[in-house]
C-alpha atoms as a PDB file:
ATOM      1  CA  THR A   1      18.205  -5.559  -9.738  1.00  0.00           C
ATOM      2  CA  THR A   2      19.959  -3.183 -11.661  1.00  0.00           C
ATOM      3  CA  ARG A   3      17.208  -0.340 -12.145  1.00  0.00           C
ATOM      4  CA  HIS A   4      16.051   0.827  -8.593  1.00  0.00           C
ATOM      5  CA  LEU A   5      15.019   3.984  -7.073  1.00  0.00           C
ATOM      6  CA  ASP A   6      18.286   4.618  -5.054  1.00  0.00           C
ATOM      7  CA  GLY A   7      20.091   4.582  -8.077  1.00  0.00           C
ATOM      8  CA  LEU A   8      17.789   6.874  -9.979  1.00  0.00           C
ATOM      9  CA  LEU A   9      17.644   9.267  -7.101  1.00  0.00           C
ATOM     10  CA  ALA A  10      21.617   9.472  -6.828  1.00  0.00           C
ATOM     11  CA  ALA A  11      21.829  10.000 -10.560  1.00  0.00           C
ATOM     12  CA  MET A  12      19.779  13.129 -10.160  1.00  0.00           C
ATOM     13  CA  GLU A  13      22.118  14.713  -7.790  1.00  0.00           C
ATOM     14  CA  SER A  14      23.866  16.983 -10.284  1.00  0.00           C
ATOM     15  CA  ARG A  15      20.566  18.101 -11.778  1.00  0.00           C
ATOM     16  CA  PHE A  16      19.186  19.463  -8.238  1.00  0.00           C
ATOM     17  CA  GLY A  17      22.633  20.176  -6.477  1.00  0.00           C
ATOM     18  CA  ASP A  18      21.437  17.854  -3.888  1.00  0.00           C
ATOM     19  CA  ARG A  19      20.492  14.140  -3.827  1.00  0.00           C
ATOM     20  CA  PRO A  20      16.601  13.887  -3.537  1.00  0.00           C
ATOM     21  CA  ARG A  21      15.542  11.729  -0.817  1.00  0.00           C
ATOM     22  CA  LEU A  22      12.859   9.375  -0.759  1.00  0.00           C
ATOM     23  CA  VAL A  23      10.345  10.252   2.067  1.00  0.00           C
ATOM     24  CA  HIS A  24       8.334   7.043   2.369  1.00  0.00           C
ATOM     25  CA  ARG A  25       9.007   3.322   0.933  1.00  0.00           C
ATOM     26  CA  LEU A  26       6.532   1.022  -0.827  1.00  0.00           C
ATOM     27  CA  ASP A  27       6.994  -2.855  -0.663  1.00  0.00           C
ATOM     28  CA  ARG A  28       8.953  -3.715  -3.832  1.00  0.00           C
ATOM     29  CA  ASP A  29       5.951  -5.107  -5.619  1.00  0.00           C
ATOM     30  CA  THR A  30       3.627  -2.514  -4.563  1.00  0.00           C
ATOM     31  CA  THR A  31       2.887   0.213  -7.279  1.00  0.00           C
ATOM     32  CA  GLY A  32       1.835   3.680  -7.091  1.00  0.00           C
ATOM     33  CA  VAL A  33       2.551   7.099  -5.504  1.00  0.00           C
ATOM     34  CA  LEU A  34       5.964   7.671  -3.758  1.00  0.00           C
ATOM     35  CA  LEU A  35       6.996  11.026  -2.208  1.00  0.00           C
ATOM     36  CA  VAL A  36      10.575  12.256  -3.041  1.00  0.00           C
ATOM     37  CA  ALA A  37      12.157  15.382  -1.672  1.00  0.00           C
ATOM     38  CA  LYS A  38      14.576  17.598  -3.718  1.00  0.00           C
ATOM     39  CA  THR A  39      16.157  19.011  -0.427  1.00  0.00           C
ATOM     40  CA  ARG A  40      17.139  17.854   2.933  1.00  0.00           C
ATOM     41  CA  ASN A  41      15.189  20.334   4.455  1.00  0.00           C
ATOM     42  CA  ALA A  42      11.934  19.422   2.635  1.00  0.00           C
ATOM     43  CA  ALA A  43      12.612  15.814   3.581  1.00  0.00           C
ATOM     44  CA  ALA A  44      12.797  16.864   7.165  1.00  0.00           C
ATOM     45  CA  GLN A  45       9.520  18.509   7.016  1.00  0.00           C
ATOM     46  CA  LEU A  46       7.536  15.983   5.182  1.00  0.00           C
ATOM     47  CA  GLY A  47       9.175  13.352   7.486  1.00  0.00           C
ATOM     48  CA  LYS A  48       7.557  15.111  10.390  1.00  0.00           C
ATOM     49  CA  THR A  49       4.193  15.075   8.607  1.00  0.00           C
ATOM     50  CA  PHE A  50       4.168  11.191   8.366  1.00  0.00           C
ATOM     51  CA  GLN A  51       5.371  10.857  11.969  1.00  0.00           C
ATOM     52  CA  THR A  52       2.669  13.067  13.087  1.00  0.00           C
ATOM     53  CA  ARG A  53      -0.004  10.680  10.538  1.00  0.00           C
ATOM     54  CA  SER A  54      -0.741  14.189   8.923  1.00  0.00           C
ATOM     55  CA  ALA A  55      -0.235  12.403   5.512  1.00  0.00           C
ATOM     56  CA  ALA A  56      -3.398  10.494   4.354  1.00  0.00           C
ATOM     57  CA  LYS A  57      -2.717   7.324   2.214  1.00  0.00           C
ATOM     58  CA  THR A  58      -5.425   5.217   0.198  1.00  0.00           C
ATOM     59  CA  TYR A  59      -4.592   2.053  -1.536  1.00  0.00           C
ATOM     60  CA  TRP A  60      -6.426  -0.087  -3.866  1.00  0.00           C
ATOM     61  CA  ALA A  61      -6.173  -3.689  -3.705  1.00  0.00           C
ATOM     62  CA  LEU A  62      -7.885  -6.987  -5.118  1.00  0.00           C
ATOM     63  CA  VAL A  63      -8.467  -9.384  -2.444  1.00  0.00           C
ATOM     64  CA  LYS A  64      -9.820 -12.915  -2.271  1.00  0.00           C
ATOM     65  CA  GLY A  65     -13.408 -13.134  -1.147  1.00  0.00           C
ATOM     66  CA  VAL A  66     -15.624 -10.488  -0.032  1.00  0.00           C
ATOM     67  CA  PRO A  67     -14.648  -8.907   3.758  1.00  0.00           C
ATOM     68  CA  ASN A  68     -17.808  -8.989   5.843  1.00  0.00           C
ATOM     69  CA  PRO A  69     -18.818  -6.444   6.947  1.00  0.00           C
ATOM     70  CA  ILE A  70     -17.841  -4.567   3.715  1.00  0.00           C
ATOM     71  CA  GLN A  71     -16.640  -1.692   5.928  1.00  0.00           C
ATOM     72  CA  GLY A  72     -14.385  -2.005   8.861  1.00  0.00           C
ATOM     73  CA  LYS A  73     -11.180  -1.256  10.904  1.00  0.00           C
ATOM     74  CA  ILE A  74      -8.572  -3.759  11.881  1.00  0.00           C
ATOM     75  CA  GLU A  75      -6.160  -3.384  14.849  1.00  0.00           C
ATOM     76  CA  ALA A  76      -3.686  -6.124  15.466  1.00  0.00           C
ATOM     77  CA  ALA A  77      -0.401  -5.400  16.559  1.00  0.00           C
ATOM     78  CA  LEU A  78       2.552  -6.786  14.298  1.00  0.00           C
ATOM     79  CA  VAL A  79       5.875  -8.595  14.609  1.00  0.00           C
ATOM     80  CA  LYS A  80       8.415  -9.567  12.179  1.00  0.00           C
ATOM     81  CA  ALA A  81       9.097 -13.147  11.535  1.00  0.00           C
ATOM     82  CA  SER A  82      11.629 -14.940   9.380  1.00  0.00           C
ATOM     83  CA  GLY A  83      10.553 -17.616   6.943  1.00  0.00           C
ATOM     84  CA  PRO A  84      11.910 -19.611   3.962  1.00  0.00           C
ATOM     85  CA  ASP A  85      10.300 -16.761   1.559  1.00  0.00           C
ATOM     86  CA  GLY A  86      12.108 -14.111   3.263  1.00  0.00           C
ATOM     87  CA  ASP A  87      10.837 -11.672   6.177  1.00  0.00           C
ATOM     88  CA  ARG A  88       7.247 -11.453   6.855  1.00  0.00           C
ATOM     89  CA  VAL A  89       5.062 -10.120   9.695  1.00  0.00           C
ATOM     90  CA  ARG A  90       2.411 -11.817  11.630  1.00  0.00           C
ATOM     91  CA  LYS A  91       0.170 -10.907  14.468  1.00  0.00           C
ATOM     92  CA  ALA A  92       1.682 -10.411  17.877  1.00  0.00           C
ATOM     93  CA  LEU A  93       0.889 -13.347  20.342  1.00  0.00           C
ATOM     94  CA  PRO A  94       0.415 -12.899  24.237  1.00  0.00           C
ATOM     95  CA  GLY A  95       3.965 -12.202  25.923  1.00  0.00           C
ATOM     96  CA  GLU A  96       5.067 -10.408  22.469  1.00  0.00           C
ATOM     97  CA  GLN A  97       3.987  -6.839  23.389  1.00  0.00           C
ATOM     98  CA  ALA A  98       7.610  -5.580  24.177  1.00  0.00           C
ATOM     99  CA  LYS A  99       8.326  -6.164  20.302  1.00  0.00           C
ATOM    100  CA  ALA A 100       5.158  -5.714  18.791  1.00  0.00           C
ATOM    101  CA  MET A 101       4.297  -2.572  16.496  1.00  0.00           C
ATOM    102  CA  HIS A 102       0.739  -1.108  16.619  1.00  0.00           C
ATOM    103  CA  ALA A 103      -0.884  -1.198  13.627  1.00  0.00           C
ATOM    104  CA  THR A 104      -4.421   0.118  12.337  1.00  0.00           C
ATOM    105  CA  THR A 105      -6.086  -0.305   8.864  1.00  0.00           C
ATOM    106  CA  HIS A 106      -9.434   1.088   7.449  1.00  0.00           C
ATOM    107  CA  TYR A 107     -10.799  -0.724   4.748  1.00  0.00           C
ATOM    108  CA  SER A 108     -13.856  -0.673   2.484  1.00  0.00           C
ATOM    109  CA  VAL A 109     -15.165  -2.450  -0.112  1.00  0.00           C
ATOM    110  CA  ILE A 110     -15.706  -0.382  -3.519  1.00  0.00           C
ATOM    111  CA  ASP A 111     -16.947  -3.364  -5.687  1.00  0.00           C
ATOM    112  CA  ARG A 112     -17.229  -7.071  -5.819  1.00  0.00           C
ATOM    113  CA  VAL A 113     -16.818 -10.089  -8.287  1.00  0.00           C
ATOM    114  CA  ALA A 114     -19.671 -12.283  -6.823  1.00  0.00           C
ATOM    115  CA  HIS A 115     -18.239 -14.276  -3.923  1.00  0.00           C
ATOM    116  CA  LYS A 116     -14.783 -14.676  -5.499  1.00  0.00           C
ATOM    117  CA  ALA A 117     -12.978 -11.273  -5.080  1.00  0.00           C
ATOM    118  CA  ALA A 118     -13.529  -7.860  -3.923  1.00  0.00           C
ATOM    119  CA  TRP A 119     -11.931  -4.319  -4.775  1.00  0.00           C
ATOM    120  CA  VAL A 120     -11.112  -2.636  -1.525  1.00  0.00           C
ATOM    121  CA  SER A 121      -9.897   0.734  -0.477  1.00  0.00           C
ATOM    122  CA  LEU A 122      -7.414   0.582   2.116  1.00  0.00           C
ATOM    123  CA  LYS A 123      -6.443   3.440   4.575  1.00  0.00           C
ATOM    124  CA  PRO A 124      -3.351   2.669   6.820  1.00  0.00           C
ATOM    125  CA  VAL A 125      -3.161   4.996   9.979  1.00  0.00           C
ATOM    126  CA  THR A 126       0.131   3.479  10.878  1.00  0.00           C
ATOM    127  CA  GLY A 127       3.004   2.657   8.363  1.00  0.00           C
ATOM    128  CA  ARG A 128       4.226  -0.818   9.334  1.00  0.00           C
ATOM    129  CA  GLN A 129       6.137  -2.991   7.070  1.00  0.00           C
ATOM    130  CA  HIS A 130       3.699  -5.270   5.033  1.00  0.00           C
ATOM    131  CA  GLN A 131       1.053  -3.851   7.027  1.00  0.00           C
ATOM    132  CA  LEU A 132      -2.131  -4.103   4.483  1.00  0.00           C
ATOM    133  CA  ARG A 133      -0.804  -7.430   3.088  1.00  0.00           C
ATOM    134  CA  ALA A 134      -0.813  -8.956   6.681  1.00  0.00           C
ATOM    135  CA  HIS A 135      -3.818  -7.384   7.953  1.00  0.00           C
ATOM    136  CA  MET A 136      -6.244  -8.435   4.841  1.00  0.00           C
ATOM    137  CA  HIS A 137      -4.428 -12.073   5.491  1.00  0.00           C
ATOM    138  CA  MET A 138      -5.515 -11.921   9.041  1.00  0.00           C
ATOM    139  CA  ILE A 139      -9.128 -11.365   8.328  1.00  0.00           C
ATOM    140  CA  GLY A 140      -9.360 -14.033   5.812  1.00  0.00           C
ATOM    141  CA  HIS A 141      -9.116 -12.050   2.653  1.00  0.00           C
ATOM    142  CA  PRO A 142      -5.432 -12.161   1.357  1.00  0.00           C
ATOM    143  CA  ILE A 143      -4.273  -9.721  -1.379  1.00  0.00           C
ATOM    144  CA  VAL A 144      -4.281 -11.392  -4.919  1.00  0.00           C
ATOM    145  CA  GLY A 145      -1.004 -12.575  -6.008  1.00  0.00           C
ATOM    146  CA  ASP A 146       0.619 -12.103  -2.493  1.00  0.00           C
ATOM    147  CA  ASN A 147       2.895 -15.006  -2.220  1.00  0.00           C
ATOM    148  CA  LYS A 148       3.768 -14.352   1.058  1.00  0.00           C
ATOM    149  CA  TYR A 149       0.570 -14.116   2.337  1.00  0.00           C
ATOM    150  CA  GLU A 150      -1.435 -16.825   0.696  1.00  0.00           C
ATOM    151  CA  GLY A 151      -2.635 -14.751  -1.927  1.00  0.00           C
ATOM    152  CA  GLY A 152      -0.413 -16.226  -4.718  1.00  0.00           C
ATOM    153  CA  MET A 153      -2.591 -19.685  -5.385  1.00  0.00           C
ATOM    154  CA  ASP A 154      -5.962 -19.985  -6.681  1.00  0.00           C
ATOM    155  CA  LEU A 155      -6.423 -16.801  -8.414  1.00  0.00           C
ATOM    156  CA  PRO A 156     -10.066 -15.465  -9.087  1.00  0.00           C
ATOM    157  CA  ALA A 157     -10.060 -15.833 -12.452  1.00  0.00           C
ATOM    158  CA  GLU A 158      -7.904 -17.715 -15.453  1.00  0.00           C
ATOM    159  CA  ASN A 159      -5.466 -15.420 -16.996  1.00  0.00           C
ATOM    160  CA  MET A 160      -4.953 -13.216 -14.542  1.00  0.00           C
ATOM    161  CA  GLU A 161      -1.201 -12.003 -14.131  1.00  0.00           C
ATOM    162  CA  PRO A 162       0.102 -13.637 -10.831  1.00  0.00           C
ATOM    163  CA  LYS A 163       1.556 -10.156  -9.532  1.00  0.00           C
ATOM    164  CA  LEU A 164       0.588  -8.453  -6.305  1.00  0.00           C
ATOM    165  CA  HIS A 165      -2.522  -6.441  -6.712  1.00  0.00           C
ATOM    166  CA  LEU A 166      -1.820  -3.797  -4.352  1.00  0.00           C
ATOM    167  CA  HIS A 167      -1.610  -0.074  -5.503  1.00  0.00           C
ATOM    168  CA  ALA A 168      -0.824   2.994  -3.678  1.00  0.00           C
ATOM    169  CA  ARG A 169      -3.814   5.034  -5.253  1.00  0.00           C
ATOM    170  CA  ARG A 170      -3.465   8.371  -3.491  1.00  0.00           C
ATOM    171  CA  LEU A 171      -1.501  10.833  -1.117  1.00  0.00           C
ATOM    172  CA  MET A 172      -2.689  13.680   0.298  1.00  0.00           C
ATOM    173  CA  LEU A 173      -0.673  15.762   3.004  1.00  0.00           C
ATOM    174  CA  PRO A 174       0.043  19.245   3.814  1.00  0.00           C
ATOM    175  CA  HIS A 175       2.497  21.476   1.944  1.00  0.00           C
ATOM    176  CA  PRO A 176       5.647  21.614   3.827  1.00  0.00           C
ATOM    177  CA  TYR A 177       6.117  25.191   3.249  1.00  0.00           C
ATOM    178  CA  ASP A 178       2.577  26.704   2.859  1.00  0.00           C
ATOM    179  CA  PRO A 179       0.196  25.785   5.391  1.00  0.00           C
ATOM    180  CA  HIS A 180      -2.701  26.859   3.154  1.00  0.00           C
ATOM    181  CA  LYS A 181      -1.687  24.476   0.591  1.00  0.00           C
ATOM    182  CA  LYS A 182      -1.976  20.632   0.231  1.00  0.00           C
ATOM    183  CA  ILE A 183      -0.159  18.260  -1.971  1.00  0.00           C
ATOM    184  CA  ASP A 184      -2.893  15.881  -3.467  1.00  0.00           C
ATOM    185  CA  VAL A 185      -1.290  12.842  -6.017  1.00  0.00           C
ATOM    186  CA  THR A 186      -3.256  10.190  -7.662  1.00  0.00           C
ATOM    187  CA  ALA A 187      -1.703   7.211  -9.586  1.00  0.00           C
ATOM    188  CA  PRO A 188      -3.685   5.388 -12.476  1.00  0.00           C
ATOM    189  CA  LEU A 189      -3.832   1.652 -11.806  1.00  0.00           C
ATOM    190  CA  PRO A 190      -0.499  -0.058 -13.324  1.00  0.00           C
ATOM    191  CA  GLU A 191      -0.897  -2.215 -16.460  1.00  0.00           C
ATOM    192  CA  HIS A 192      -1.350  -5.811 -14.645  1.00  0.00           C
ATOM    193  CA  MET A 193      -4.110  -4.272 -12.547  1.00  0.00           C
ATOM    194  CA  ARG A 194      -6.121  -2.594 -15.261  1.00  0.00           C
ATOM    195  CA  LYS A 195      -6.074  -6.028 -17.270  1.00  0.00           C
ATOM    196  CA  THR A 196      -7.415  -7.644 -14.248  1.00  0.00           C
ATOM    197  CA  TRP A 197      -9.950  -4.920 -13.848  1.00  0.00           C
ATOM    198  CA  ASP A 198     -11.177  -5.263 -17.531  1.00  0.00           C
ATOM    199  CA  LEU A 199     -11.037  -9.245 -17.131  1.00  0.00           C
ATOM    200  CA  LEU A 200     -13.312  -8.986 -13.945  1.00  0.00           C
ATOM    201  CA  GLY A 201     -15.687  -6.416 -15.471  1.00  0.00           C
ATOM    202  CA  LEU A 202     -14.545  -3.966 -12.945  1.00  0.00           C
ATOM    203  CA  ASP A 203     -14.443  -0.094 -13.894  1.00  0.00           C
ATOM    204  CA  PRO A 204     -11.664   2.072 -12.061  1.00  0.00           C
ATOM    205  CA  GLU A 205     -13.085   5.185 -13.578  1.00  0.00           C
ATOM    206  CA  ARG A 206     -16.709   4.772 -12.621  1.00  0.00           C
ATOM    207  CA  PHE A 207     -15.657   4.537  -8.929  1.00  0.00           C
ATOM    208  CA  ALA A 208     -12.399   6.975  -8.963  1.00  0.00           C
ATOM    209  CA  LYS A 209     -14.300   9.016  -6.447  1.00  0.00           C
ATOM    210  CA  GLU A 210     -14.304   6.225  -3.856  1.00  0.00           C
ATOM    211  CA  ASP A 211     -10.603   7.345  -3.083  1.00  0.00           C
END
């Protein structure tokens, strides 16, 4: 990778007088909202917001099949496991509690394509690596285009781009310096997901308020 976020932030040091700092990361193939702090102090304040779970994150995803019930909570501790396609996480087994990471995700179906696929809103309470991808796989509805968690095969429709259909849609959190203000940022769908929405007859504008 020659063009990456760490390199872009380092190049902005001369502009801001300090190297901007990434406050939270997305998986490499996940699109959407990122939070970057321009100063060390802002990064520290924003980091505390994530540690205390005061930041509300909403993701949009296309998953295989339609979850039943259409709204629910997934609580499954995760452990890291290496595989032929790189690191991934899986559900912790009995006896692995010492190294397990507690993880909770709320999900809600926004719209569906018959029984083939569902557009879901995902709200992670915790922020574990691959949490959303692993949790949806665990309940039998992997995210479309996710090769690590069985979402890369048998796409719901022909001519779909085989990319990960997971998007950090919205981020809301208290302003680091003004307790009376909030930061509220929404990111439009990336091109490959917008094409899929059009292909499947889903309208992101119609349900925009379902964030």
